[in-house]
Amino acid sequence: MTGVQNVQVTRLERYEVGEPQPGETQAEELPAGSVLALGPLEIARLDHDPNFPENGRLSLDMRGGR
């Protein structure tokens, strides 16, 4: 069999600057269906620039293969 056999999302969250406000909790669980819902005026970014982490980051942990 060739190609990707399995993908598991382990962390998916919005980037938050600073400490949580009173009444807010840090996301510890994946959003429902592993989907990060966006508002009508939001644009998702994934620049993966360490100088601007607020513009999105992607980390992969790959195992197996030959």
PDB file of N, CA and C in Angstrom:
ATOM      1  N   MET A   1       0.844  -1.163   0.000  1.00  0.00           N
ATOM      2  CA  MET A   1       0.000   0.000   0.000  1.00  0.00           C
ATOM      3  C   MET A   1       0.904   1.246   0.000  1.00  0.00           C
ATOM      4  N   THR A   2       0.581   2.231  -0.817  1.00  0.00           N
ATOM      5  CA  THR A   2       1.375   3.455  -0.873  1.00  0.00           C
ATOM      6  C   THR A   2       0.578   4.646  -0.351  1.00  0.00           C
ATOM      7  N   GLY A   3       1.274   5.698  -0.009  1.00  0.00           N
ATOM      8  CA  GLY A   3       0.608   6.926   0.434  1.00  0.00           C
ATOM      9  C   GLY A   3       0.433   6.978   1.936  1.00  0.00           C
ATOM     10  N   VAL A   4      -0.276   7.979   2.368  1.00  0.00           N
ATOM     11  CA  VAL A   4      -0.527   8.197   3.797  1.00  0.00           C
ATOM     12  C   VAL A   4      -1.625   7.256   4.270  1.00  0.00           C
ATOM     13  N   GLN A   5      -1.360   6.541   5.348  1.00  0.00           N
ATOM     14  CA  GLN A   5      -2.337   5.602   5.868  1.00  0.00           C
ATOM     15  C   GLN A   5      -3.139   6.174   7.028  1.00  0.00           C
ATOM     16  N   ASN A   6      -2.564   7.137   7.756  1.00  0.00           N
ATOM     17  CA  ASN A   6      -3.251   7.653   8.935  1.00  0.00           C
ATOM     18  C   ASN A   6      -2.735   9.048   9.268  1.00  0.00           C
ATOM     19  N   VAL A   7      -3.634   9.927   9.674  1.00  0.00           N
ATOM     20  CA  VAL A   7      -3.284  11.259  10.162  1.00  0.00           C
ATOM     21  C   VAL A   7      -4.056  11.487  11.448  1.00  0.00           C
ATOM     22  N   GLN A   8      -3.378  11.990  12.470  1.00  0.00           N
ATOM     23  CA  GLN A   8      -4.031  12.251  13.741  1.00  0.00           C
ATOM     24  C   GLN A   8      -3.717  13.686  14.163  1.00  0.00           C
ATOM     25  N   VAL A   9      -4.741  14.506  14.293  1.00  0.00           N
ATOM     26  CA  VAL A   9      -4.580  15.874  14.777  1.00  0.00           C
ATOM     27  C   VAL A   9      -4.465  15.806  16.295  1.00  0.00           C
ATOM     28  N   THR A  10      -3.372  16.354  16.839  1.00  0.00           N
ATOM     29  CA  THR A  10      -3.172  16.294  18.281  1.00  0.00           C
ATOM     30  C   THR A  10      -3.353  17.648  18.955  1.00  0.00           C
ATOM     31  N   ARG A  11      -3.255  18.726  18.179  1.00  0.00           N
ATOM     32  CA  ARG A  11      -3.433  20.062  18.755  1.00  0.00           C
ATOM     33  C   ARG A  11      -3.865  21.018  17.655  1.00  0.00           C
ATOM     34  N   LEU A  12      -4.940  21.733  17.909  1.00  0.00           N
ATOM     35  CA  LEU A  12      -5.472  22.694  16.958  1.00  0.00           C
ATOM     36  C   LEU A  12      -6.101  23.814  17.763  1.00  0.00           C
ATOM     37  N   GLU A  13      -5.499  24.999  17.705  1.00  0.00           N
ATOM     38  CA  GLU A  13      -6.011  26.088  18.524  1.00  0.00           C
ATOM     39  C   GLU A  13      -5.659  27.439  17.925  1.00  0.00           C
ATOM     40  N   ARG A  14      -6.360  28.455  18.386  1.00  0.00           N
ATOM     41  CA  ARG A  14      -6.063  29.823  17.992  1.00  0.00           C
ATOM     42  C   ARG A  14      -4.848  30.309  18.758  1.00  0.00           C
ATOM     43  N   TYR A  15      -4.084  31.183  18.134  1.00  0.00           N
ATOM     44  CA  TYR A  15      -2.949  31.797  18.799  1.00  0.00           C
ATOM     45  C   TYR A  15      -3.465  32.927  19.674  1.00  0.00           C
ATOM     46  N   GLU A  16      -3.154  32.884  20.943  1.00  0.00           N
ATOM     47  CA  GLU A  16      -3.590  33.908  21.888  1.00  0.00           C
ATOM     48  C   GLU A  16      -2.367  34.582  22.477  1.00  0.00           C
ATOM     49  N   VAL A  17      -2.351  35.900  22.490  1.00  0.00           N
ATOM     50  CA  VAL A  17      -1.252  36.663  23.064  1.00  0.00           C
ATOM     51  C   VAL A  17      -1.568  36.946  24.529  1.00  0.00           C
ATOM     52  N   GLY A  18      -0.603  36.714  25.414  1.00  0.00           N
ATOM     53  CA  GLY A  18      -0.773  37.057  26.826  1.00  0.00           C
ATOM     54  C   GLY A  18      -1.487  35.976  27.621  1.00  0.00           C
ATOM     55  N   GLU A  19      -1.834  36.353  28.817  1.00  0.00           N
ATOM     56  CA  GLU A  19      -2.501  35.458  29.755  1.00  0.00           C
ATOM     57  C   GLU A  19      -3.992  35.388  29.469  1.00  0.00           C
ATOM     58  N   PRO A  20      -4.623  34.245  29.787  1.00  0.00           N
ATOM     59  CA  PRO A  20      -6.084  34.154  29.627  1.00  0.00           C
ATOM     60  C   PRO A  20      -6.798  35.157  30.530  1.00  0.00           C
ATOM     61  N   GLN A  21      -7.890  35.707  30.053  1.00  0.00           N
ATOM     62  CA  GLN A  21      -8.707  36.635  30.831  1.00  0.00           C
ATOM     63  C   GLN A  21      -9.525  35.842  31.855  1.00  0.00           C
ATOM     64  N   PRO A  22      -9.993  36.492  32.926  1.00  0.00           N
ATOM     65  CA  PRO A  22     -10.822  35.782  33.914  1.00  0.00           C
ATOM     66  C   PRO A  22     -12.023  35.118  33.233  1.00  0.00           C
ATOM     67  N   GLY A  23     -12.242  33.872  33.541  1.00  0.00           N
ATOM     68  CA  GLY A  23     -13.351  33.129  32.940  1.00  0.00           C
ATOM     69  C   GLY A  23     -12.957  32.363  31.696  1.00  0.00           C
ATOM     70  N   GLU A  24     -11.802  32.685  31.102  1.00  0.00           N
ATOM     71  CA  GLU A  24     -11.326  31.959  29.915  1.00  0.00           C
ATOM     72  C   GLU A  24     -10.434  30.816  30.365  1.00  0.00           C
ATOM     73  N   THR A  25     -10.449  29.750  29.591  1.00  0.00           N
ATOM     74  CA  THR A  25      -9.553  28.634  29.864  1.00  0.00           C
ATOM     75  C   THR A  25      -8.726  28.380  28.620  1.00  0.00           C
ATOM     76  N   GLN A  26      -7.540  27.827  28.826  1.00  0.00           N
ATOM     77  CA  GLN A  26      -6.724  27.479  27.680  1.00  0.00           C
ATOM     78  C   GLN A  26      -7.272  26.215  27.046  1.00  0.00           C
ATOM     79  N   ALA A  27      -7.260  26.175  25.712  1.00  0.00           N
ATOM     80  CA  ALA A  27      -7.788  25.016  24.988  1.00  0.00           C
ATOM     81  C   ALA A  27      -6.935  23.791  25.299  1.00  0.00           C
ATOM     82  N   GLU A  28      -7.558  22.749  25.815  1.00  0.00           N
ATOM     83  CA  GLU A  28      -6.838  21.518  26.087  1.00  0.00           C
ATOM     84  C   GLU A  28      -7.389  20.373  25.252  1.00  0.00           C
ATOM     85  N   GLU A  29      -8.555  20.576  24.672  1.00  0.00           N
ATOM     86  CA  GLU A  29      -9.153  19.547  23.833  1.00  0.00           C
ATOM     87  C   GLU A  29      -9.259  20.071  22.415  1.00  0.00           C
ATOM     88  N   LEU A  30      -9.329  19.156  21.473  1.00  0.00           N
ATOM     89  CA  LEU A  30      -9.515  19.550  20.073  1.00  0.00           C
ATOM     90  C   LEU A  30     -10.921  20.083  19.879  1.00  0.00           C
ATOM     91  N   PRO A  31     -11.079  21.075  19.006  1.00  0.00           N
ATOM     92  CA  PRO A  31     -12.440  21.529  18.683  1.00  0.00           C
ATOM     93  C   PRO A  31     -13.251  20.371  18.095  1.00  0.00           C
ATOM     94  N   ALA A  32     -14.557  20.456  18.182  1.00  0.00           N
ATOM     95  CA  ALA A  32     -15.436  19.404  17.664  1.00  0.00           C
ATOM     96  C   ALA A  32     -15.113  19.090  16.211  1.00  0.00           C
ATOM     97  N   GLY A  33     -14.927  17.826  15.914  1.00  0.00           N
ATOM     98  CA  GLY A  33     -14.632  17.387  14.554  1.00  0.00           C
ATOM     99  C   GLY A  33     -13.252  17.784  14.075  1.00  0.00           C
ATOM    100  N   SER A  34     -12.378  18.197  14.996  1.00  0.00           N
ATOM    101  CA  SER A  34     -11.033  18.658  14.653  1.00  0.00           C
ATOM    102  C   SER A  34     -11.069  19.770  13.609  1.00  0.00           C
ATOM    103  N   VAL A  35     -12.060  20.661  13.739  1.00  0.00           N
ATOM    104  CA  VAL A  35     -12.211  21.791  12.825  1.00  0.00           C
ATOM    105  C   VAL A  35     -12.158  23.071  13.633  1.00  0.00           C
ATOM    106  N   LEU A  36     -11.292  23.980  13.241  1.00  0.00           N
ATOM    107  CA  LEU A  36     -11.209  25.275  13.889  1.00  0.00           C
ATOM    108  C   LEU A  36     -12.102  26.227  13.100  1.00  0.00           C
ATOM    109  N   ALA A  37     -13.275  26.521  13.650  1.00  0.00           N
ATOM    110  CA  ALA A  37     -14.260  27.344  12.948  1.00  0.00           C
ATOM    111  C   ALA A  37     -13.779  28.790  12.860  1.00  0.00           C
ATOM    112  N   LEU A  38     -13.991  29.408  11.705  1.00  0.00           N
ATOM    113  CA  LEU A  38     -13.615  30.796  11.475  1.00  0.00           C
ATOM    114  C   LEU A  38     -14.862  31.650  11.364  1.00  0.00           C
ATOM    115  N   GLY A  39     -14.739  32.883  11.822  1.00  0.00           N
ATOM    116  CA  GLY A  39     -15.835  33.836  11.691  1.00  0.00           C
ATOM    117  C   GLY A  39     -15.893  34.387  10.269  1.00  0.00           C
ATOM    118  N   PRO A  40     -16.971  35.087   9.921  1.00  0.00           N
ATOM    119  CA  PRO A  40     -17.140  35.579   8.558  1.00  0.00           C
ATOM    120  C   PRO A  40     -16.086  36.604   8.142  1.00  0.00           C
ATOM    121  N   LEU A  41     -15.420  37.247   9.085  1.00  0.00           N
ATOM    122  CA  LEU A  41     -14.407  38.245   8.750  1.00  0.00           C
ATOM    123  C   LEU A  41     -12.991  37.777   9.093  1.00  0.00           C
ATOM    124  N   GLU A  42     -12.822  36.458   9.347  1.00  0.00           N
ATOM    125  CA  GLU A  42     -11.514  35.903   9.682  1.00  0.00           C
ATOM    126  C   GLU A  42     -10.880  35.241   8.465  1.00  0.00           C
ATOM    127  N   ILE A  43      -9.554  35.292   8.428  1.00  0.00           N
ATOM    128  CA  ILE A  43      -8.791  34.636   7.367  1.00  0.00           C
ATOM    129  C   ILE A  43      -7.759  33.742   8.041  1.00  0.00           C
ATOM    130  N   ALA A  44      -7.750  32.469   7.705  1.00  0.00           N
ATOM    131  CA  ALA A  44      -6.772  31.533   8.272  1.00  0.00           C
ATOM    132  C   ALA A  44      -5.420  31.750   7.596  1.00  0.00           C
ATOM    133  N   ARG A  45      -4.350  31.722   8.404  1.00  0.00           N
ATOM    134  CA  ARG A  45      -2.991  31.873   7.871  1.00  0.00           C
ATOM    135  C   ARG A  45      -2.129  30.745   8.399  1.00  0.00           C
ATOM    136  N   LEU A  46      -1.155  30.364   7.615  1.00  0.00           N
ATOM    137  CA  LEU A  46      -0.179  29.368   8.037  1.00  0.00           C
ATOM    138  C   LEU A  46       1.159  29.733   7.396  1.00  0.00           C
ATOM    139  N   ASP A  47       1.793  30.785   7.937  1.00  0.00           N
ATOM    140  CA  ASP A  47       3.063  31.268   7.391  1.00  0.00           C
ATOM    141  C   ASP A  47       4.250  30.433   7.855  1.00  0.00           C
ATOM    142  N   HIS A  48       4.145  29.814   9.019  1.00  0.00           N
ATOM    143  CA  HIS A  48       5.221  29.025   9.635  1.00  0.00           C
ATOM    144  C   HIS A  48       6.508  29.850   9.727  1.00  0.00           C
ATOM    145  N   ASP A  49       6.386  31.099  10.164  1.00  0.00           N
ATOM    146  CA  ASP A  49       7.527  31.999  10.342  1.00  0.00           C
ATOM    147  C   ASP A  49       7.785  32.133  11.840  1.00  0.00           C
ATOM    148  N   PRO A  50       8.953  31.654  12.344  1.00  0.00           N
ATOM    149  CA  PRO A  50       9.209  31.708  13.776  1.00  0.00           C
ATOM    150  C   PRO A  50       9.227  33.130  14.340  1.00  0.00           C
ATOM    151  N   ASN A  51       9.437  34.127  13.488  1.00  0.00           N
ATOM    152  CA  ASN A  51       9.429  35.512  13.948  1.00  0.00           C
ATOM    153  C   ASN A  51       8.016  36.066  14.130  1.00  0.00           C
ATOM    154  N   PHE A  52       7.034  35.397  13.531  1.00  0.00           N
ATOM    155  CA  PHE A  52       5.643  35.831  13.622  1.00  0.00           C
ATOM    156  C   PHE A  52       4.738  34.625  13.900  1.00  0.00           C
ATOM    157  N   PRO A  53       4.815  34.028  15.113  1.00  0.00           N
ATOM    158  CA  PRO A  53       4.032  32.824  15.398  1.00  0.00           C
ATOM    159  C   PRO A  53       2.527  33.058  15.317  1.00  0.00           C
ATOM    160  N   GLU A  54       2.079  34.307  15.450  1.00  0.00           N
ATOM    161  CA  GLU A  54       0.647  34.599  15.364  1.00  0.00           C
ATOM    162  C   GLU A  54       0.094  34.377  13.962  1.00  0.00           C
ATOM    163  N   ASN A  55       0.964  34.196  12.968  1.00  0.00           N
ATOM    164  CA  ASN A  55       0.524  33.950  11.589  1.00  0.00           C
ATOM    165  C   ASN A  55       0.437  32.470  11.256  1.00  0.00           C
ATOM    166  N   GLY A  56       0.496  31.619  12.251  1.00  0.00           N
ATOM    167  CA  GLY A  56       0.291  30.184  12.040  1.00  0.00           C
ATOM    168  C   GLY A  56       1.572  29.380  12.060  1.00  0.00           C
ATOM    169  N   ARG A  57       1.456  28.164  12.562  1.00  0.00           N
ATOM    170  CA  ARG A  57       2.587  27.244  12.636  1.00  0.00           C
ATOM    171  C   ARG A  57       2.092  25.830  12.396  1.00  0.00           C
ATOM    172  N   LEU A  58       2.879  25.046  11.706  1.00  0.00           N
ATOM    173  CA  LEU A  58       2.542  23.655  11.429  1.00  0.00           C
ATOM    174  C   LEU A  58       3.693  22.785  11.900  1.00  0.00           C
ATOM    175  N   SER A  59       3.383  21.793  12.717  1.00  0.00           N
ATOM    176  CA  SER A  59       4.385  20.831  13.174  1.00  0.00           C
ATOM    177  C   SER A  59       3.934  19.440  12.768  1.00  0.00           C
ATOM    178  N   LEU A  60       4.848  18.664  12.220  1.00  0.00           N
ATOM    179  CA  LEU A  60       4.538  17.298  11.787  1.00  0.00           C
ATOM    180  C   LEU A  60       5.439  16.323  12.538  1.00  0.00           C
ATOM    181  N   ASP A  61       4.865  15.218  12.964  1.00  0.00           N
ATOM    182  CA  ASP A  61       5.610  14.126  13.594  1.00  0.00           C
ATOM    183  C   ASP A  61       5.367  12.911  12.707  1.00  0.00           C
ATOM    184  N   MET A  62       6.342  12.603  11.866  1.00  0.00           N
ATOM    185  CA  MET A  62       6.164  11.502  10.905  1.00  0.00           C
ATOM    186  C   MET A  62       6.892  10.261  11.394  1.00  0.00           C
ATOM    187  N   ARG A  63       6.225   9.131  11.253  1.00  0.00           N
ATOM    188  CA  ARG A  63       6.789   7.859  11.709  1.00  0.00           C
ATOM    189  C   ARG A  63       6.609   6.802  10.643  1.00  0.00           C
ATOM    190  N   GLY A  64       7.414   5.772  10.737  1.00  0.00           N
ATOM    191  CA  GLY A  64       7.280   4.645   9.817  1.00  0.00           C
ATOM    192  C   GLY A  64       7.973   4.909   8.497  1.00  0.00           C
ATOM    193  N   GLY A  65       7.472   4.276   7.477  1.00  0.00           N
ATOM    194  CA  GLY A  65       8.073   4.430   6.149  1.00  0.00           C
ATOM    195  C   GLY A  65       9.246   3.504   5.957  1.00  0.00           C
ATOM    196  N   ARG A  66       9.891   3.691   4.822  1.00  0.00           N
ATOM    197  CA  ARG A  66      11.063   2.851   4.527  1.00  0.00           C
ATOM    198  C   ARG A  66      12.274   3.692   4.307  1.00  0.00           C
TER     199      ARG A  66
END
